[in-house]
Amino acid sequence: DAERLAAFLDRHYRHETGGYYLTSDRAEDLIVRPYSA
């Protein structure tokens, strides 16, 4: 289960610098896509 969730995150939340956006690439457009440490 954990590996499937990880794979899903990689497909839809991955930031090009290596981390993860808060929102999915399938989510509605906002003025920005939150990305934070």
PDB file of all heavy atoms in Angstrom:
ATOM      1  N   ASP A   1       0.835  -1.206   0.000  1.00  0.00           N
ATOM      2  CA  ASP A   1       0.000   0.000   0.000  1.00  0.00           C
ATOM      3  C   ASP A   1       0.869   1.256   0.000  1.00  0.00           C
ATOM      4  O   ASP A   1       0.606   2.212  -0.743  1.00  0.00           O
ATOM      5  CB  ASP A   1      -0.906   0.021   1.234  1.00  0.00           C
ATOM      6  CG  ASP A   1      -2.106  -0.900   1.117  1.00  0.00           C
ATOM      7  OD1 ASP A   1      -2.333  -1.459   0.018  1.00  0.00           O
ATOM      8  OD2 ASP A   1      -2.822  -1.064   2.127  1.00  0.00           O
ATOM      9  N   ALA A   2       1.879   1.274   0.849  1.00  0.00           N
ATOM     10  CA  ALA A   2       2.752   2.451   0.927  1.00  0.00           C
ATOM     11  C   ALA A   2       3.468   2.684  -0.399  1.00  0.00           C
ATOM     12  O   ALA A   2       3.624   3.829  -0.841  1.00  0.00           O
ATOM     13  CB  ALA A   2       3.761   2.278   2.069  1.00  0.00           C
ATOM     14  N   GLU A   3       3.887   1.609  -1.047  1.00  0.00           N
ATOM     15  CA  GLU A   3       4.573   1.762  -2.333  1.00  0.00           C
ATOM     16  C   GLU A   3       3.624   2.287  -3.408  1.00  0.00           C
ATOM     17  O   GLU A   3       4.024   3.099  -4.252  1.00  0.00           O
ATOM     18  CB  GLU A   3       5.188   0.430  -2.752  1.00  0.00           C
ATOM     19  CG  GLU A   3       6.368   0.031  -1.883  1.00  0.00           C
ATOM     20  CD  GLU A   3       7.147  -1.135  -2.443  1.00  0.00           C
ATOM     21  OE1 GLU A   3       6.548  -2.213  -2.636  1.00  0.00           O
ATOM     22  OE2 GLU A   3       8.354  -0.970  -2.694  1.00  0.00           O
ATOM     23  N   ARG A   4       2.376   1.846  -3.379  1.00  0.00           N
ATOM     24  CA  ARG A   4       1.408   2.363  -4.356  1.00  0.00           C
ATOM     25  C   ARG A   4       1.152   3.850  -4.135  1.00  0.00           C
ATOM     26  O   ARG A   4       1.036   4.620  -5.097  1.00  0.00           O
ATOM     27  CB  ARG A   4       0.103   1.568  -4.265  1.00  0.00           C
ATOM     28  CG  ARG A   4       0.163   0.203  -4.938  1.00  0.00           C
ATOM     29  CD  ARG A   4      -1.216  -0.398  -5.109  1.00  0.00           C
ATOM     30  NE  ARG A   4      -1.783  -0.809  -3.832  1.00  0.00           N
ATOM     31  CZ  ARG A   4      -1.694  -2.044  -3.337  1.00  0.00           C
ATOM     32  NH1 ARG A   4      -1.031  -2.976  -4.011  1.00  0.00           N
ATOM     33  NH2 ARG A   4      -2.252  -2.360  -2.185  1.00  0.00           N
ATOM     34  N   LEU A   5       1.041   4.258  -2.877  1.00  0.00           N
ATOM     35  CA  LEU A   5       0.840   5.677  -2.587  1.00  0.00           C
ATOM     36  C   LEU A   5       2.047   6.494  -3.036  1.00  0.00           C
ATOM     37  O   LEU A   5       1.895   7.603  -3.576  1.00  0.00           O
ATOM     38  CB  LEU A   5       0.583   5.876  -1.095  1.00  0.00           C
ATOM     39  CG  LEU A   5      -0.767   5.365  -0.572  1.00  0.00           C
ATOM     40  CD1 LEU A   5      -0.758   5.308   0.956  1.00  0.00           C
ATOM     41  CD2 LEU A   5      -1.916   6.241  -1.058  1.00  0.00           C
ATOM     42  N   ALA A   6       3.236   5.953  -2.833  1.00  0.00           N
ATOM     43  CA  ALA A   6       4.447   6.651  -3.266  1.00  0.00           C
ATOM     44  C   ALA A   6       4.470   6.817  -4.783  1.00  0.00           C
ATOM     45  O   ALA A   6       4.828   7.889  -5.304  1.00  0.00           O
ATOM     46  CB  ALA A   6       5.690   5.894  -2.796  1.00  0.00           C
ATOM     47  N   ALA A   7       4.091   5.774  -5.488  1.00  0.00           N
ATOM     48  CA  ALA A   7       4.075   5.845  -6.950  1.00  0.00           C
ATOM     49  C   ALA A   7       3.054   6.867  -7.436  1.00  0.00           C
ATOM     50  O   ALA A   7       3.295   7.604  -8.406  1.00  0.00           O
ATOM     51  CB  ALA A   7       3.767   4.464  -7.530  1.00  0.00           C
ATOM     52  N   PHE A   8       1.905   6.935  -6.763  1.00  0.00           N
ATOM     53  CA  PHE A   8       0.884   7.899  -7.151  1.00  0.00           C
ATOM     54  C   PHE A   8       1.377   9.329  -6.921  1.00  0.00           C
ATOM     55  O   PHE A   8       1.158  10.223  -7.756  1.00  0.00           O
ATOM     56  CB  PHE A   8      -0.406   7.650  -6.364  1.00  0.00           C
ATOM     57  CG  PHE A   8      -1.579   8.442  -6.865  1.00  0.00           C
ATOM     58  CD1 PHE A   8      -2.344   7.967  -7.919  1.00  0.00           C
ATOM     59  CD2 PHE A   8      -1.910   9.666  -6.302  1.00  0.00           C
ATOM     60  CE1 PHE A   8      -3.426   8.699  -8.401  1.00  0.00           C
ATOM     61  CE2 PHE A   8      -2.980  10.400  -6.770  1.00  0.00           C
ATOM     62  CZ  PHE A   8      -3.742   9.913  -7.824  1.00  0.00           C
ATOM     63  N   LEU A   9       2.052   9.546  -5.804  1.00  0.00           N
ATOM     64  CA  LEU A   9       2.629  10.864  -5.548  1.00  0.00           C
ATOM     65  C   LEU A   9       3.615  11.248  -6.646  1.00  0.00           C
ATOM     66  O   LEU A   9       3.625  12.398  -7.113  1.00  0.00           O
ATOM     67  CB  LEU A   9       3.329  10.874  -4.191  1.00  0.00           C
ATOM     68  CG  LEU A   9       2.456  11.088  -2.956  1.00  0.00           C
ATOM     69  CD1 LEU A   9       3.233  10.724  -1.698  1.00  0.00           C
ATOM     70  CD2 LEU A   9       1.965  12.530  -2.872  1.00  0.00           C
ATOM     71  N   ASP A  10       4.434  10.311  -7.059  1.00  0.00           N
ATOM     72  CA  ASP A  10       5.406  10.598  -8.110  1.00  0.00           C
ATOM     73  C   ASP A  10       4.732  11.024  -9.406  1.00  0.00           C
ATOM     74  O   ASP A  10       5.205  11.924 -10.104  1.00  0.00           O
ATOM     75  CB  ASP A  10       6.274   9.366  -8.377  1.00  0.00           C
ATOM     76  CG  ASP A  10       7.466   9.283  -7.448  1.00  0.00           C
ATOM     77  OD1 ASP A  10       7.723  10.270  -6.738  1.00  0.00           O
ATOM     78  OD2 ASP A  10       8.131   8.236  -7.423  1.00  0.00           O
ATOM     79  N   ARG A  11       3.623  10.393  -9.727  1.00  0.00           N
ATOM     80  CA  ARG A  11       2.943  10.693 -10.996  1.00  0.00           C
ATOM     81  C   ARG A  11       2.238  12.044 -10.982  1.00  0.00           C
ATOM     82  O   ARG A  11       2.199  12.727 -12.007  1.00  0.00           O
ATOM     83  CB  ARG A  11       1.928   9.595 -11.327  1.00  0.00           C
ATOM     84  CG  ARG A  11       2.544   8.275 -11.732  1.00  0.00           C
ATOM     85  CD  ARG A  11       1.528   7.373 -12.404  1.00  0.00           C
ATOM     86  NE  ARG A  11       0.401   7.055 -11.544  1.00  0.00           N
ATOM     87  CZ  ARG A  11       0.378   6.038 -10.683  1.00  0.00           C
ATOM     88  NH1 ARG A  11       1.448   5.256 -10.556  1.00  0.00           N
ATOM     89  NH2 ARG A  11      -0.690   5.786  -9.953  1.00  0.00           N
ATOM     90  N   HIS A  12       1.703  12.446  -9.842  1.00  0.00           N
ATOM     91  CA  HIS A  12       0.786  13.587  -9.860  1.00  0.00           C
ATOM     92  C   HIS A  12       1.179  14.762  -8.970  1.00  0.00           C
ATOM     93  O   HIS A  12       0.521  15.810  -9.017  1.00  0.00           O
ATOM     94  CB  HIS A  12      -0.615  13.111  -9.465  1.00  0.00           C
ATOM     95  CG  HIS A  12      -1.196  12.133 -10.431  1.00  0.00           C
ATOM     96  ND1 HIS A  12      -1.568  12.469 -11.716  1.00  0.00           N
ATOM     97  CD2 HIS A  12      -1.441  10.790 -10.312  1.00  0.00           C
ATOM     98  CE1 HIS A  12      -2.039  11.405 -12.340  1.00  0.00           C
ATOM     99  NE2 HIS A  12      -1.960  10.372 -11.517  1.00  0.00           N
ATOM    100  N   TYR A  13       2.242  14.632  -8.179  1.00  0.00           N
ATOM    101  CA  TYR A  13       2.592  15.718  -7.256  1.00  0.00           C
ATOM    102  C   TYR A  13       4.062  16.142  -7.348  1.00  0.00           C
ATOM    103  O   TYR A  13       4.441  17.125  -6.720  1.00  0.00           O
ATOM    104  CB  TYR A  13       2.296  15.289  -5.803  1.00  0.00           C
ATOM    105  CG  TYR A  13       0.843  15.046  -5.524  1.00  0.00           C
ATOM    106  CD1 TYR A  13       0.239  13.827  -5.850  1.00  0.00           C
ATOM    107  CD2 TYR A  13       0.042  16.020  -4.934  1.00  0.00           C
ATOM    108  CE1 TYR A  13      -1.107  13.603  -5.596  1.00  0.00           C
ATOM    109  CE2 TYR A  13      -1.300  15.806  -4.669  1.00  0.00           C
ATOM    110  CZ  TYR A  13      -1.866  14.586  -5.005  1.00  0.00           C
ATOM    111  OH  TYR A  13      -3.197  14.364  -4.755  1.00  0.00           O
ATOM    112  N   ARG A  14       4.858  15.466  -8.119  1.00  0.00           N
ATOM    113  CA  ARG A  14       6.315  15.682  -8.109  1.00  0.00           C
ATOM    114  C   ARG A  14       6.689  17.034  -8.707  1.00  0.00           C
ATOM    115  O   ARG A  14       6.193  17.424  -9.766  1.00  0.00           O
ATOM    116  CB  ARG A  14       7.010  14.562  -8.878  1.00  0.00           C
ATOM    117  CG  ARG A  14       8.517  14.446  -8.607  1.00  0.00           C
ATOM    118  CD  ARG A  14       8.751  13.924  -7.220  1.00  0.00           C
ATOM    119  NE  ARG A  14      10.162  13.795  -6.889  1.00  0.00           N
ATOM    120  CZ  ARG A  14      10.837  12.656  -6.965  1.00  0.00           C
ATOM    121  NH1 ARG A  14      10.238  11.556  -7.404  1.00  0.00           N
ATOM    122  NH2 ARG A  14      12.102  12.612  -6.606  1.00  0.00           N
ATOM    123  N   HIS A  15       7.539  17.743  -8.021  1.00  0.00           N
ATOM    124  CA  HIS A  15       8.098  19.005  -8.501  1.00  0.00           C
ATOM    125  C   HIS A  15       9.384  18.698  -9.256  1.00  0.00           C
ATOM    126  O   HIS A  15      10.108  17.757  -8.919  1.00  0.00           O
ATOM    127  CB  HIS A  15       8.376  19.916  -7.303  1.00  0.00           C
ATOM    128  CG  HIS A  15       8.729  21.330  -7.647  1.00  0.00           C
ATOM    129  ND1 HIS A  15       9.949  21.699  -8.161  1.00  0.00           N
ATOM    130  CD2 HIS A  15       8.009  22.487  -7.532  1.00  0.00           C
ATOM    131  CE1 HIS A  15       9.977  23.006  -8.342  1.00  0.00           C
ATOM    132  NE2 HIS A  15       8.808  23.512  -7.971  1.00  0.00           N
ATOM    133  N   GLU A  16       9.685  19.493 -10.248  1.00  0.00           N
ATOM    134  CA  GLU A  16      10.847  19.200 -11.092  1.00  0.00           C
ATOM    135  C   GLU A  16      12.168  19.255 -10.324  1.00  0.00           C
ATOM    136  O   GLU A  16      13.168  18.648 -10.744  1.00  0.00           O
ATOM    137  CB  GLU A  16      10.908  20.181 -12.264  1.00  0.00           C
ATOM    138  CG  GLU A  16      11.055  21.638 -11.855  1.00  0.00           C
ATOM    139  CD  GLU A  16      11.020  22.582 -13.041  1.00  0.00           C
ATOM    140  OE1 GLU A  16      10.641  22.145 -14.144  1.00  0.00           O
ATOM    141  OE2 GLU A  16      11.363  23.751 -12.843  1.00  0.00           O
ATOM    142  N   THR A  17      12.185  19.942  -9.180  1.00  0.00           N
ATOM    143  CA  THR A  17      13.427  20.015  -8.409  1.00  0.00           C
ATOM    144  C   THR A  17      13.611  18.823  -7.476  1.00  0.00           C
ATOM    145  O   THR A  17      14.655  18.703  -6.834  1.00  0.00           O
ATOM    146  CB  THR A  17      13.482  21.306  -7.573  1.00  0.00           C
ATOM    147  OG1 THR A  17      12.431  21.288  -6.602  1.00  0.00           O
ATOM    148  CG2 THR A  17      13.348  22.536  -8.448  1.00  0.00           C
ATOM    149  N   GLY A  18      12.583  17.959  -7.360  1.00  0.00           N
ATOM    150  CA  GLY A  18      12.750  16.747  -6.570  1.00  0.00           C
ATOM    151  C   GLY A  18      11.788  16.574  -5.427  1.00  0.00           C
ATOM    152  O   GLY A  18      11.626  15.461  -4.923  1.00  0.00           O
ATOM    153  N   GLY A  19      11.162  17.656  -4.980  1.00  0.00           N
ATOM    154  CA  GLY A  19      10.180  17.549  -3.906  1.00  0.00           C
ATOM    155  C   GLY A  19       8.781  17.338  -4.441  1.00  0.00           C
ATOM    156  O   GLY A  19       8.586  16.893  -5.577  1.00  0.00           O
ATOM    157  N   TYR A  20       7.799  17.693  -3.621  1.00  0.00           N
ATOM    158  CA  TYR A  20       6.402  17.459  -3.989  1.00  0.00           C
ATOM    159  C   TYR A  20       5.567  18.710  -3.756  1.00  0.00           C
ATOM    160  O   TYR A  20       5.666  19.361  -2.707  1.00  0.00           O
ATOM    161  CB  TYR A  20       5.821  16.300  -3.160  1.00  0.00           C
ATOM    162  CG  TYR A  20       6.443  14.978  -3.523  1.00  0.00           C
ATOM    163  CD1 TYR A  20       7.630  14.573  -2.939  1.00  0.00           C
ATOM    164  CD2 TYR A  20       5.871  14.157  -4.491  1.00  0.00           C
ATOM    165  CE1 TYR A  20       8.227  13.378  -3.281  1.00  0.00           C
ATOM    166  CE2 TYR A  20       6.461  12.964  -4.849  1.00  0.00           C
ATOM    167  CZ  TYR A  20       7.642  12.579  -4.240  1.00  0.00           C
ATOM    168  OH  TYR A  20       8.233  11.393  -4.598  1.00  0.00           O
ATOM    169  N   TYR A  21       4.743  19.025  -4.757  1.00  0.00           N
ATOM    170  CA  TYR A  21       3.731  20.062  -4.590  1.00  0.00           C
ATOM    171  C   TYR A  21       2.694  19.593  -3.572  1.00  0.00           C
ATOM    172  O   TYR A  21       2.477  18.389  -3.388  1.00  0.00           O
ATOM    173  CB  TYR A  21       3.002  20.332  -5.899  1.00  0.00           C
ATOM    174  CG  TYR A  21       3.772  21.067  -6.959  1.00  0.00           C
ATOM    175  CD1 TYR A  21       4.205  20.408  -8.113  1.00  0.00           C
ATOM    176  CD2 TYR A  21       4.017  22.433  -6.844  1.00  0.00           C
ATOM    177  CE1 TYR A  21       4.885  21.090  -9.123  1.00  0.00           C
ATOM    178  CE2 TYR A  21       4.698  23.122  -7.847  1.00  0.00           C
ATOM    179  CZ  TYR A  21       5.125  22.445  -8.988  1.00  0.00           C
ATOM    180  OH  TYR A  21       5.791  23.114  -9.969  1.00  0.00           O
ATOM    181  N   LEU A  22       2.008  20.551  -2.961  1.00  0.00           N
ATOM    182  CA  LEU A  22       0.889  20.186  -2.094  1.00  0.00           C
ATOM    183  C   LEU A  22      -0.275  19.658  -2.910  1.00  0.00           C
ATOM    184  O   LEU A  22      -0.966  18.728  -2.493  1.00  0.00           O
ATOM    185  CB  LEU A  22       0.453  21.401  -1.272  1.00  0.00           C
ATOM    186  CG  LEU A  22      -0.747  21.201  -0.350  1.00  0.00           C
ATOM    187  CD1 LEU A  22      -0.435  20.179   0.742  1.00  0.00           C
ATOM    188  CD2 LEU A  22      -1.176  22.532   0.268  1.00  0.00           C
ATOM    189  N   THR A  23      -0.513  20.245  -4.093  1.00  0.00           N
ATOM    190  CA  THR A  23      -1.695  19.919  -4.887  1.00  0.00           C
ATOM    191  C   THR A  23      -1.359  19.000  -6.058  1.00  0.00           C
ATOM    192  O   THR A  23      -0.245  19.006  -6.582  1.00  0.00           O
ATOM    193  CB  THR A  23      -2.344  21.196  -5.438  1.00  0.00           C
ATOM    194  OG1 THR A  23      -1.365  21.950  -6.170  1.00  0.00           O
ATOM    195  CG2 THR A  23      -2.892  22.049  -4.307  1.00  0.00           C
ATOM    196  N   SER A  24      -2.366  18.255  -6.478  1.00  0.00           N
ATOM    197  CA  SER A  24      -2.235  17.335  -7.603  1.00  0.00           C
ATOM    198  C   SER A  24      -2.234  18.093  -8.926  1.00  0.00           C
ATOM    199  O   SER A  24      -2.776  19.200  -9.037  1.00  0.00           O
ATOM    200  CB  SER A  24      -3.419  16.356  -7.585  1.00  0.00           C
ATOM    201  OG  SER A  24      -3.508  15.628  -8.787  1.00  0.00           O
ATOM    202  N   ASP A  25      -1.636  17.469  -9.952  1.00  0.00           N
ATOM    203  CA  ASP A  25      -1.718  18.064 -11.286  1.00  0.00           C
ATOM    204  C   ASP A  25      -3.123  17.959 -11.865  1.00  0.00           C
ATOM    205  O   ASP A  25      -3.406  18.519 -12.925  1.00  0.00           O
ATOM    206  CB  ASP A  25      -0.697  17.424 -12.231  1.00  0.00           C
ATOM    207  CG  ASP A  25      -0.858  15.911 -12.363  1.00  0.00           C
ATOM    208  OD1 ASP A  25      -1.852  15.346 -11.853  1.00  0.00           O
ATOM    209  OD2 ASP A  25       0.028  15.273 -12.978  1.00  0.00           O
ATOM    210  N   ARG A  26      -4.014  17.273 -11.162  1.00  0.00           N
ATOM    211  CA  ARG A  26      -5.409  17.176 -11.595  1.00  0.00           C
ATOM    212  C   ARG A  26      -6.310  18.170 -10.865  1.00  0.00           C
ATOM    213  O   ARG A  26      -7.516  18.208 -11.117  1.00  0.00           O
ATOM    214  CB  ARG A  26      -5.933  15.767 -11.344  1.00  0.00           C
ATOM    215  CG  ARG A  26      -5.169  14.669 -12.070  1.00  0.00           C
ATOM    216  CD  ARG A  26      -5.748  13.316 -11.725  1.00  0.00           C
ATOM    217  NE  ARG A  26      -5.067  12.230 -12.409  1.00  0.00           N
ATOM    218  CZ  ARG A  26      -5.445  10.960 -12.332  1.00  0.00           C
ATOM    219  NH1 ARG A  26      -6.488  10.617 -11.587  1.00  0.00           N
ATOM    220  NH2 ARG A  26      -4.784  10.023 -12.970  1.00  0.00           N
ATOM    221  N   ALA A  27      -5.743  18.940  -9.956  1.00  0.00           N
ATOM    222  CA  ALA A  27      -6.548  19.868  -9.160  1.00  0.00           C
ATOM    223  C   ALA A  27      -6.880  21.121  -9.977  1.00  0.00           C
ATOM    224  O   ALA A  27      -6.260  21.400 -11.009  1.00  0.00           O
ATOM    225  CB  ALA A  27      -5.799  20.255  -7.891  1.00  0.00           C
ATOM    226  N   GLU A  28      -7.859  21.882  -9.478  1.00  0.00           N
ATOM    227  CA  GLU A  28      -8.222  23.138 -10.125  1.00  0.00           C
ATOM    228  C   GLU A  28      -7.036  24.087 -10.102  1.00  0.00           C
ATOM    229  O   GLU A  28      -6.160  24.016  -9.240  1.00  0.00           O
ATOM    230  CB  GLU A  28      -9.394  23.793  -9.393  1.00  0.00           C
ATOM    231  CG  GLU A  28      -9.045  24.241  -7.967  1.00  0.00           C
ATOM    232  CD  GLU A  28     -10.170  25.007  -7.303  1.00  0.00           C
ATOM    233  OE1 GLU A  28     -10.349  26.180  -7.659  1.00  0.00           O
ATOM    234  OE2 GLU A  28     -10.846  24.433  -6.442  1.00  0.00           O
ATOM    235  N   ASP A  29      -7.016  24.985 -11.083  1.00  0.00           N
ATOM    236  CA  ASP A  29      -5.949  25.968 -11.138  1.00  0.00           C
ATOM    237  C   ASP A  29      -6.130  27.002 -10.036  1.00  0.00           C
ATOM    238  O   ASP A  29      -7.224  27.541  -9.830  1.00  0.00           O
ATOM    239  CB  ASP A  29      -5.945  26.670 -12.495  1.00  0.00           C
ATOM    240  CG  ASP A  29      -5.447  25.762 -13.607  1.00  0.00           C
ATOM    241  OD1 ASP A  29      -4.714  24.806 -13.290  1.00  0.00           O
ATOM    242  OD2 ASP A  29      -5.780  26.014 -14.777  1.00  0.00           O
ATOM    243  N   LEU A  30      -5.048  27.273  -9.321  1.00  0.00           N
ATOM    244  CA  LEU A  30      -4.988  28.366  -8.369  1.00  0.00           C
ATOM    245  C   LEU A  30      -3.959  29.362  -8.884  1.00  0.00           C
ATOM    246  O   LEU A  30      -3.303  29.124  -9.899  1.00  0.00           O
ATOM    247  CB  LEU A  30      -4.598  27.844  -6.981  1.00  0.00           C
ATOM    248  CG  LEU A  30      -5.565  26.830  -6.358  1.00  0.00           C
ATOM    249  CD1 LEU A  30      -4.948  26.211  -5.105  1.00  0.00           C
ATOM    250  CD2 LEU A  30      -6.897  27.486  -6.016  1.00  0.00           C
ATOM    251  N   ILE A  31      -3.800  30.472  -8.205  1.00  0.00           N
ATOM    252  CA  ILE A  31      -2.861  31.477  -8.702  1.00  0.00           C
ATOM    253  C   ILE A  31      -1.429  30.955  -8.687  1.00  0.00           C
ATOM    254  O   ILE A  31      -0.596  31.389  -9.483  1.00  0.00           O
ATOM    255  CB  ILE A  31      -2.979  32.797  -7.925  1.00  0.00           C
ATOM    256  CG1 ILE A  31      -2.765  32.573  -6.417  1.00  0.00           C
ATOM    257  CG2 ILE A  31      -4.315  33.458  -8.191  1.00  0.00           C
ATOM    258  CD1 ILE A  31      -2.656  33.859  -5.637  1.00  0.00           C
ATOM    259  N   VAL A  32      -1.122  30.023  -7.790  1.00  0.00           N
ATOM    260  CA  VAL A  32       0.150  29.300  -7.782  1.00  0.00           C
ATOM    261  C   VAL A  32      -0.128  27.902  -7.258  1.00  0.00           C
ATOM    262  O   VAL A  32      -1.183  27.631  -6.689  1.00  0.00           O
ATOM    263  CB  VAL A  32       1.233  29.979  -6.899  1.00  0.00           C
ATOM    264  CG1 VAL A  32       1.651  31.319  -7.460  1.00  0.00           C
ATOM    265  CG2 VAL A  32       0.770  30.112  -5.464  1.00  0.00           C
ATOM    266  N   ARG A  33       0.840  27.027  -7.418  1.00  0.00           N
ATOM    267  CA  ARG A  33       0.737  25.663  -6.908  1.00  0.00           C
ATOM    268  C   ARG A  33       1.654  25.557  -5.694  1.00  0.00           C
ATOM    269  O   ARG A  33       2.884  25.636  -5.836  1.00  0.00           O
ATOM    270  CB  ARG A  33       1.152  24.677  -8.002  1.00  0.00           C
ATOM    271  CG  ARG A  33       0.708  23.246  -7.774  1.00  0.00           C
ATOM    272  CD  ARG A  33       1.038  22.407  -8.990  1.00  0.00           C
ATOM    273  NE  ARG A  33       0.802  20.990  -8.728  1.00  0.00           N
ATOM    274  CZ  ARG A  33       1.248  20.006  -9.499  1.00  0.00           C
ATOM    275  NH1 ARG A  33       1.965  20.281 -10.583  1.00  0.00           N
ATOM    276  NH2 ARG A  33       0.984  18.748  -9.186  1.00  0.00           N
ATOM    277  N   PRO A  34       1.112  25.401  -4.477  1.00  0.00           N
ATOM    278  CA  PRO A  34       1.945  25.481  -3.274  1.00  0.00           C
ATOM    279  C   PRO A  34       3.054  24.438  -3.248  1.00  0.00           C
ATOM    280  O   PRO A  34       2.842  23.264  -3.535  1.00  0.00           O
ATOM    281  CB  PRO A  34       0.940  25.248  -2.138  1.00  0.00           C
ATOM    282  CG  PRO A  34      -0.383  25.613  -2.709  1.00  0.00           C
ATOM    283  CD  PRO A  34      -0.318  25.228  -4.153  1.00  0.00           C
ATOM    284  N   TYR A  35       4.248  24.909  -2.858  1.00  0.00           N
ATOM    285  CA  TYR A  35       5.437  24.056  -2.768  1.00  0.00           C
ATOM    286  C   TYR A  35       6.282  24.582  -1.626  1.00  0.00           C
ATOM    287  O   TYR A  35       6.754  25.717  -1.656  1.00  0.00           O
ATOM    288  CB  TYR A  35       6.215  24.111  -4.078  1.00  0.00           C
ATOM    289  CG  TYR A  35       7.440  23.236  -4.132  1.00  0.00           C
ATOM    290  CD1 TYR A  35       7.331  21.855  -4.022  1.00  0.00           C
ATOM    291  CD2 TYR A  35       8.707  23.788  -4.318  1.00  0.00           C
ATOM    292  CE1 TYR A  35       8.457  21.045  -4.092  1.00  0.00           C
ATOM    293  CE2 TYR A  35       9.833  22.986  -4.392  1.00  0.00           C
ATOM    294  CZ  TYR A  35       9.706  21.609  -4.276  1.00  0.00           C
ATOM    295  OH  TYR A  35      10.818  20.810  -4.343  1.00  0.00           O
ATOM    296  N   SER A  36       6.468  23.785  -0.595  1.00  0.00           N
ATOM    297  CA  SER A  36       7.102  24.309   0.610  1.00  0.00           C
ATOM    298  C   SER A  36       7.802  23.213   1.393  1.00  0.00           C
ATOM    299  O   SER A  36       7.438  22.036   1.317  1.00  0.00           O
ATOM    300  CB  SER A  36       6.045  24.973   1.506  1.00  0.00           C
ATOM    301  OG  SER A  36       6.584  25.366   2.748  1.00  0.00           O
ATOM    302  N   ALA A  37       8.807  23.639   2.167  1.00  0.00           N
ATOM    303  CA  ALA A  37       9.504  22.745   3.092  1.00  0.00           C
ATOM    304  C   ALA A  37       9.037  22.929   4.521  1.00  0.00           C
ATOM    305  O   ALA A  37       9.490  22.205   5.412  1.00  0.00           O
ATOM    306  CB  ALA A  37      11.005  23.014   3.023  1.00  0.00           C
TER     307      ALA A  37
END
